[in-house]
PDB file of N, CA and C in Angstrom:
ATOM      1  N   UNK A   1      -4.611 -14.426 -21.200  1.00  0.00           N
ATOM      2  CA  UNK A   1      -4.855 -13.217 -21.370  1.00  0.00           C
ATOM      3  C   UNK A   1      -4.698 -12.612 -19.550  1.00  0.00           C
ATOM      4  N   UNK A   2      -3.704 -11.311 -20.099  1.00  0.00           N
ATOM      5  CA  UNK A   2      -3.906 -10.751 -18.490  1.00  0.00           C
ATOM      6  C   UNK A   2      -4.856  -9.858 -17.829  1.00  0.00           C
ATOM      7  N   UNK A   3      -5.112 -10.446 -16.778  1.00  0.00           N
ATOM      8  CA  UNK A   3      -6.217  -9.809 -15.683  1.00  0.00           C
ATOM      9  C   UNK A   3      -5.951  -9.025 -14.692  1.00  0.00           C
ATOM     10  N   UNK A   4      -7.040  -8.117 -14.180  1.00  0.00           N
ATOM     11  CA  UNK A   4      -6.687  -7.352 -12.833  1.00  0.00           C
ATOM     12  C   UNK A   4      -8.261  -7.941 -12.070  1.00  0.00           C
ATOM     13  N   UNK A   5      -7.921  -8.101 -10.645  1.00  0.00           N
ATOM     14  CA  UNK A   5      -8.940  -8.598 -10.342  1.00  0.00           C
ATOM     15  C   UNK A   5      -8.975  -7.334  -8.454  1.00  0.00           C
ATOM     16  N   UNK A   6      -9.726  -7.266  -8.404  1.00  0.00           N
ATOM     17  CA  UNK A   6      -9.701  -6.499  -6.877  1.00  0.00           C
ATOM     18  C   UNK A   6     -10.625  -6.401  -5.843  1.00  0.00           C
ATOM     19  N   UNK A   7      -9.947  -6.539  -4.678  1.00  0.00           N
ATOM     20  CA  UNK A   7     -10.475  -7.175  -3.340  1.00  0.00           C
ATOM     21  C   UNK A   7     -10.203  -5.767  -2.393  1.00  0.00           C
ATOM     22  N   UNK A   8     -11.565  -5.499  -1.665  1.00  0.00           N
ATOM     23  CA  UNK A   8     -11.905  -4.326  -0.694  1.00  0.00           C
ATOM     24  C   UNK A   8     -12.101  -5.128   0.344  1.00  0.00           C
ATOM     25  N   UNK A   9     -11.777  -4.204   1.544  1.00  0.00           N
ATOM     26  CA  UNK A   9     -11.679  -4.518   2.807  1.00  0.00           C
ATOM     27  C   UNK A   9     -11.729  -3.010   3.585  1.00  0.00           C
ATOM     28  N   UNK A  10     -12.741  -3.068   4.487  1.00  0.00           N
ATOM     29  CA  UNK A  10     -13.181  -1.968   5.327  1.00  0.00           C
ATOM     30  C   UNK A  10     -12.212  -1.901   6.810  1.00  0.00           C
ATOM     31  N   UNK A  11     -11.615  -1.140   7.128  1.00  0.00           N
ATOM     32  CA  UNK A  11     -10.268  -1.449   8.215  1.00  0.00           C
ATOM     33  C   UNK A  11     -10.906  -0.095   9.875  1.00  0.00           C
ATOM     34  N   UNK A  12     -11.137  -1.146  10.313  1.00  0.00           N
ATOM     35  CA  UNK A  12     -11.734  -0.573  11.335  1.00  0.00           C
ATOM     36  C   UNK A  12     -10.512  -0.366  12.852  1.00  0.00           C
ATOM     37  N   UNK A  13     -10.833   0.483  13.783  1.00  0.00           N
ATOM     38  CA  UNK A  13      -9.107   0.730  14.392  1.00  0.00           C
ATOM     39  C   UNK A  13      -9.431  -0.540  15.222  1.00  0.00           C
ATOM     40  N   UNK A  14      -8.030  -0.820  15.861  1.00  0.00           N
ATOM     41  CA  UNK A  14      -7.856  -1.703  16.497  1.00  0.00           C
ATOM     42  C   UNK A  14      -8.036  -3.179  15.698  1.00  0.00           C
ATOM     43  N   UNK A  15      -8.030  -3.157  14.385  1.00  0.00           N
ATOM     44  CA  UNK A  15      -9.134  -4.347  13.936  1.00  0.00           C
ATOM     45  C   UNK A  15      -7.979  -4.689  12.941  1.00  0.00           C
ATOM     46  N   UNK A  16      -7.322  -3.823  12.332  1.00  0.00           N
ATOM     47  CA  UNK A  16      -6.603  -3.760  11.430  1.00  0.00           C
ATOM     48  C   UNK A  16      -5.456  -5.242  11.096  1.00  0.00           C
ATOM     49  N   UNK A  17      -5.217  -5.678  11.960  1.00  0.00           N
ATOM     50  CA  UNK A  17      -3.968  -6.734  11.222  1.00  0.00           C
ATOM     51  C   UNK A  17      -5.006  -8.055  11.336  1.00  0.00           C
ATOM     52  N   UNK A  18      -6.144  -8.045  11.940  1.00  0.00           N
ATOM     53  CA  UNK A  18      -7.290  -8.880  11.574  1.00  0.00           C
ATOM     54  C   UNK A  18      -7.698  -9.098  10.233  1.00  0.00           C
ATOM     55  N   UNK A  19      -8.121  -7.709  10.061  1.00  0.00           N
ATOM     56  CA  UNK A  19      -8.682  -7.286   8.199  1.00  0.00           C
ATOM     57  C   UNK A  19      -7.902  -7.492   7.581  1.00  0.00           C
ATOM     58  N   UNK A  20      -6.614  -7.351   7.835  1.00  0.00           N
ATOM     59  CA  UNK A  20      -5.283  -7.832   6.859  1.00  0.00           C
ATOM     60  C   UNK A  20      -5.084  -9.205   6.195  1.00  0.00           C
ATOM     61  N   UNK A  21      -5.121  -9.699   6.945  1.00  0.00           N
ATOM     62  CA  UNK A  21      -5.216 -11.097   7.033  1.00  0.00           C
ATOM     63  C   UNK A  21      -6.598 -11.859   6.384  1.00  0.00           C
ATOM     64  N   UNK A  22      -7.438 -11.768   7.005  1.00  0.00           N
ATOM     65  CA  UNK A  22      -8.897 -11.454   6.342  1.00  0.00           C
ATOM     66  C   UNK A  22      -8.735 -11.374   4.778  1.00  0.00           C
ATOM     67  N   UNK A  23      -8.087 -10.202   4.256  1.00  0.00           N
ATOM     68  CA  UNK A  23      -7.788  -9.871   2.712  1.00  0.00           C
ATOM     69  C   UNK A  23      -6.970 -10.884   2.254  1.00  0.00           C
ATOM     70  N   UNK A  24      -5.828 -11.095   2.863  1.00  0.00           N
ATOM     71  CA  UNK A  24      -4.778 -12.315   2.883  1.00  0.00           C
ATOM     72  C   UNK A  24      -5.684 -13.360   2.240  1.00  0.00           C
ATOM     73  N   UNK A  25      -6.448 -13.849   2.628  1.00  0.00           N
ATOM     74  CA  UNK A  25      -6.916 -15.603   2.656  1.00  0.00           C
ATOM     75  C   UNK A  25      -7.935 -15.073   1.518  1.00  0.00           C
ATOM     76  N   UNK A  26      -8.569 -13.955   1.404  1.00  0.00           N
ATOM     77  CA  UNK A  26      -9.591 -13.313   0.307  1.00  0.00           C
ATOM     78  C   UNK A  26      -8.779 -13.832  -1.093  1.00  0.00           C
ATOM     79  N   UNK A  27      -7.329 -13.211  -1.334  1.00  0.00           N
ATOM     80  CA  UNK A  27      -6.780 -13.030  -2.454  1.00  0.00           C
ATOM     81  C   UNK A  27      -6.282 -14.643  -2.761  1.00  0.00           C
ATOM     82  N   UNK A  28      -5.962 -15.129  -1.542  1.00  0.00           N
ATOM     83  CA  UNK A  28      -4.988 -16.506  -1.825  1.00  0.00           C
ATOM     84  C   UNK A  28      -6.121 -17.745  -2.226  1.00  0.00           C
ATOM     85  N   UNK A  29      -7.388 -17.431  -1.875  1.00  0.00           N
ATOM     86  CA  UNK A  29      -8.333 -18.325  -2.145  1.00  0.00           C
ATOM     87  C   UNK A  29      -8.747 -17.997  -3.789  1.00  0.00           C
ATOM     88  N   UNK A  30      -8.672 -16.782  -4.036  1.00  0.00           N
ATOM     89  CA  UNK A  30      -9.366 -17.052  -5.354  1.00  0.00           C
ATOM     90  C   UNK A  30      -8.187 -17.258  -6.423  1.00  0.00           C
ATOM     91  N   UNK A  31      -6.909 -17.177  -5.963  1.00  0.00           N
ATOM     92  CA  UNK A  31      -6.013 -17.533  -6.578  1.00  0.00           C
ATOM     93  C   UNK A  31      -5.801 -19.497  -6.666  1.00  0.00           C
ATOM     94  N   UNK A  32      -6.412 -19.940  -6.067  1.00  0.00           N
ATOM     95  CA  UNK A  32      -6.245 -21.373  -5.307  1.00  0.00           C
ATOM     96  C   UNK A  32      -7.175 -21.487  -6.352  1.00  0.00           C
ATOM     97  N   UNK A  33      -8.896 -21.028  -6.018  1.00  0.00           N
ATOM     98  CA  UNK A  33      -9.846 -21.461  -6.840  1.00  0.00           C
ATOM     99  C   UNK A  33     -10.016 -21.348  -8.245  1.00  0.00           C
ATOM    100  N   UNK A  34      -9.087 -20.513  -8.713  1.00  0.00           N
ATOM    101  CA  UNK A  34      -9.090 -20.485 -10.258  1.00  0.00           C
ATOM    102  C   UNK A  34      -8.067 -20.641 -10.981  1.00  0.00           C
ATOM    103  N   UNK A  35      -6.659 -21.511 -10.074  1.00  0.00           N
ATOM    104  CA  UNK A  35      -5.927 -22.435 -10.496  1.00  0.00           C
ATOM    105  C   UNK A  35      -4.846 -21.369 -11.142  1.00  0.00           C
ATOM    106  N   UNK A  36      -4.805 -20.041 -10.818  1.00  0.00           N
ATOM    107  CA  UNK A  36      -3.561 -19.578 -11.320  1.00  0.00           C
ATOM    108  C   UNK A  36      -1.971 -19.672 -10.886  1.00  0.00           C
ATOM    109  N   UNK A  37      -1.715 -19.889 -11.952  1.00  0.00           N
ATOM    110  CA  UNK A  37      -0.294 -20.054 -12.008  1.00  0.00           C
ATOM    111  C   UNK A  37       0.756 -19.038 -11.955  1.00  0.00           C
ATOM    112  N   UNK A  38       0.269 -17.690 -13.044  1.00  0.00           N
ATOM    113  CA  UNK A  38       1.128 -16.349 -12.692  1.00  0.00           C
ATOM    114  C   UNK A  38       0.734 -15.460 -12.215  1.00  0.00           C
ATOM    115  N   UNK A  39       1.263 -14.778 -11.346  1.00  0.00           N
ATOM    116  CA  UNK A  39       0.764 -13.533 -10.797  1.00  0.00           C
ATOM    117  C   UNK A  39       1.908 -12.581 -11.524  1.00  0.00           C
ATOM    118  N   UNK A  40       1.622 -11.374 -11.719  1.00  0.00           N
ATOM    119  CA  UNK A  40       2.539 -10.673 -11.957  1.00  0.00           C
ATOM    120  C   UNK A  40       2.781  -9.452 -11.015  1.00  0.00           C
ATOM    121  N   UNK A  41       1.923  -9.028 -10.293  1.00  0.00           N
ATOM    122  CA  UNK A  41       1.681  -8.400  -8.928  1.00  0.00           C
ATOM    123  C   UNK A  41       0.710  -8.365  -8.538  1.00  0.00           C
ATOM    124  N   UNK A  42       1.139  -7.592  -7.037  1.00  0.00           N
ATOM    125  CA  UNK A  42      -0.321  -7.661  -5.567  1.00  0.00           C
ATOM    126  C   UNK A  42       0.315  -6.095  -5.378  1.00  0.00           C
ATOM    127  N   UNK A  43      -1.047  -5.189  -5.152  1.00  0.00           N
ATOM    128  CA  UNK A  43      -0.387  -3.557  -4.605  1.00  0.00           C
ATOM    129  C   UNK A  43      -2.009  -2.915  -3.895  1.00  0.00           C
ATOM    130  N   UNK A  44      -1.317  -2.799  -2.836  1.00  0.00           N
ATOM    131  CA  UNK A  44      -2.582  -2.201  -2.004  1.00  0.00           C
ATOM    132  C   UNK A  44      -2.535  -0.359  -2.085  1.00  0.00           C
ATOM    133  N   UNK A  45      -4.041  -0.192  -1.653  1.00  0.00           N
ATOM    134  CA  UNK A  45      -4.199   1.251  -1.673  1.00  0.00           C
ATOM    135  C   UNK A  45      -4.954   1.817  -0.650  1.00  0.00           C
ATOM    136  N   UNK A  46      -4.505   2.656   0.061  1.00  0.00           N
ATOM    137  CA  UNK A  46      -5.840   3.065   1.033  1.00  0.00           C
ATOM    138  C   UNK A  46      -6.880   3.786   0.816  1.00  0.00           C
ATOM    139  N   UNK A  47      -7.803   3.661   1.235  1.00  0.00           N
ATOM    140  CA  UNK A  47      -9.080   4.621   0.850  1.00  0.00           C
ATOM    141  C   UNK A  47      -9.308   5.673   2.226  1.00  0.00           C
ATOM    142  N   UNK A  48      -9.469   7.051   2.318  1.00  0.00           N
ATOM    143  CA  UNK A  48      -9.445   7.756   3.433  1.00  0.00           C
ATOM    144  C   UNK A  48     -10.940   8.567   3.075  1.00  0.00           C
ATOM    145  N   UNK A  49     -11.155   8.927   4.461  1.00  0.00           N
ATOM    146  CA  UNK A  49     -12.665   9.353   4.543  1.00  0.00           C
ATOM    147  C   UNK A  49     -12.062  11.309   4.348  1.00  0.00           C
ATOM    148  N   UNK A  50     -13.102  11.892   4.424  1.00  0.00           N
ATOM    149  CA  UNK A  50     -13.102  13.504   4.174  1.00  0.00           C
ATOM    150  C   UNK A  50     -12.008  14.426   4.846  1.00  0.00           C
ATOM    151  N   UNK A  51     -11.643  13.492   6.278  1.00  0.00           N
ATOM    152  CA  UNK A  51     -10.572  14.016   7.213  1.00  0.00           C
ATOM    153  C   UNK A  51      -9.256  13.726   6.906  1.00  0.00           C
ATOM    154  N   UNK A  52      -9.220  12.876   5.704  1.00  0.00           N
ATOM    155  CA  UNK A  52      -7.755  11.982   5.844  1.00  0.00           C
ATOM    156  C   UNK A  52      -7.460  10.673   6.303  1.00  0.00           C
ATOM    157  N   UNK A  53      -8.315  10.219   7.503  1.00  0.00           N
ATOM    158  CA  UNK A  53      -8.565   9.284   7.842  1.00  0.00           C
ATOM    159  C   UNK A  53      -8.485   7.759   7.509  1.00  0.00           C
ATOM    160  N   UNK A  54      -7.519   6.665   7.504  1.00  0.00           N
ATOM    161  CA  UNK A  54      -7.768   5.734   6.460  1.00  0.00           C
ATOM    162  C   UNK A  54      -8.900   4.798   6.888  1.00  0.00           C
ATOM    163  N   UNK A  55      -9.738   4.459   5.861  1.00  0.00           N
ATOM    164  CA  UNK A  55     -10.823   3.772   6.326  1.00  0.00           C
ATOM    165  C   UNK A  55     -11.109   2.164   5.730  1.00  0.00           C
ATOM    166  N   UNK A  56     -10.180   1.949   4.329  1.00  0.00           N
ATOM    167  CA  UNK A  56     -10.261   1.357   3.750  1.00  0.00           C
ATOM    168  C   UNK A  56      -9.057   0.539   2.821  1.00  0.00           C
ATOM    169  N   UNK A  57      -9.024  -0.777   2.501  1.00  0.00           N
ATOM    170  CA  UNK A  57      -8.350  -0.839   1.614  1.00  0.00           C
ATOM    171  C   UNK A  57      -8.272  -1.506   0.234  1.00  0.00           C
ATOM    172  N   UNK A  58      -7.880  -1.265  -0.914  1.00  0.00           N
ATOM    173  CA  UNK A  58      -8.012  -1.570  -1.894  1.00  0.00           C
ATOM    174  C   UNK A  58      -6.785  -2.672  -2.450  1.00  0.00           C
ATOM    175  N   UNK A  59      -7.238  -3.912  -2.367  1.00  0.00           N
ATOM    176  CA  UNK A  59      -5.762  -4.553  -3.062  1.00  0.00           C
ATOM    177  C   UNK A  59      -5.590  -5.186  -4.695  1.00  0.00           C
ATOM    178  N   UNK A  60      -5.213  -5.058  -5.386  1.00  0.00           N
ATOM    179  CA  UNK A  60      -5.258  -5.294  -7.117  1.00  0.00           C
ATOM    180  C   UNK A  60      -4.393  -6.770  -6.802  1.00  0.00           C
ATOM    181  N   UNK A  61      -4.947  -7.338  -7.609  1.00  0.00           N
ATOM    182  CA  UNK A  61      -4.156  -8.519  -8.315  1.00  0.00           C
ATOM    183  C   UNK A  61      -4.063  -8.615  -9.932  1.00  0.00           C
ATOM    184  N   UNK A  62      -2.937  -8.539 -10.429  1.00  0.00           N
ATOM    185  CA  UNK A  62      -2.158  -8.570 -11.407  1.00  0.00           C
ATOM    186  C   UNK A  62      -2.216 -10.097 -11.885  1.00  0.00           C
ATOM    187  N   UNK A  63      -2.883 -10.753 -12.726  1.00  0.00           N
ATOM    188  CA  UNK A  63      -2.177 -12.422 -13.210  1.00  0.00           C
ATOM    189  C   UNK A  63      -2.796 -12.455 -14.582  1.00  0.00           C
ATOM    190  N   UNK A  64      -1.980 -13.871 -14.691  1.00  0.00           N
ATOM    191  CA  UNK A  64      -2.461 -14.543 -16.568  1.00  0.00           C
ATOM    192  C   UNK A  64      -3.520 -15.418 -16.123  1.00  0.00           C
ATOM    193  N   UNK A  65      -4.754 -15.155 -16.998  1.00  0.00           N
ATOM    194  CA  UNK A  65      -5.915 -16.068 -16.741  1.00  0.00           C
ATOM    195  C   UNK A  65      -5.172 -17.496 -17.204  1.00  0.00           C
ATOM    196  N   UNK A  66      -5.316 -18.540 -16.606  1.00  0.00           N
ATOM    197  CA  UNK A  66      -5.053 -19.580 -16.767  1.00  0.00           C
ATOM    198  C   UNK A  66      -5.814 -20.559 -18.083  1.00  0.00           C
ATOM    199  N   UNK A  67      -5.456 -20.935 -18.857  1.00  0.00           N
ATOM    200  CA  UNK A  67      -6.034 -21.624 -20.411  1.00  0.00           C
ATOM    201  C   UNK A  67      -6.501 -22.637 -20.080  1.00  0.00           C
ATOM    202  N   UNK A  68      -8.050 -22.630 -20.357  1.00  0.00           N
ATOM    203  CA  UNK A  68      -8.983 -23.852 -19.903  1.00  0.00           C
ATOM    204  C   UNK A  68      -8.642 -25.146 -21.033  1.00  0.00           C
ATOM    205  N   UNK A  69      -8.638 -26.234 -20.397  1.00  0.00           N
ATOM    206  CA  UNK A  69      -8.310 -27.452 -21.488  1.00  0.00           C
ATOM    207  C   UNK A  69      -7.850 -27.515 -22.214  1.00  0.00           C
ATOM    208  N   UNK A  70      -6.331 -26.993 -21.861  1.00  0.00           N
ATOM    209  CA  UNK A  70      -5.196 -27.083 -22.578  1.00  0.00           C
ATOM    210  C   UNK A  70      -4.171 -27.111 -21.538  1.00  0.00           C
ATOM    211  N   UNK A  71      -3.052 -27.889 -21.734  1.00  0.00           N
ATOM    212  CA  UNK A  71      -1.970 -28.293 -20.856  1.00  0.00           C
ATOM    213  C   UNK A  71      -0.930 -27.468 -21.860  1.00  0.00           C
ATOM    214  N   UNK A  72      -0.095 -27.042 -21.283  1.00  0.00           N
ATOM    215  CA  UNK A  72       1.615 -26.374 -21.458  1.00  0.00           C
ATOM    216  C   UNK A  72       2.160 -26.558 -21.309  1.00  0.00           C
TER     217      UNK A  72
END
């Protein structure tokens, strides 16, 4: 079954690089913990405030859910 999992992170000025690394670690940890073998896409979308300033990021991971209890 194909599934989508989203991850979010707030972006703060002068801390973006660290926050993106943290987001990468969250996604990679999810893939490892759930034994995901097939990833179809990973995409990012910025969130903004009412002035148009980027304040956050949403990362969507589309993957195939591993079958439990059966070897393929």
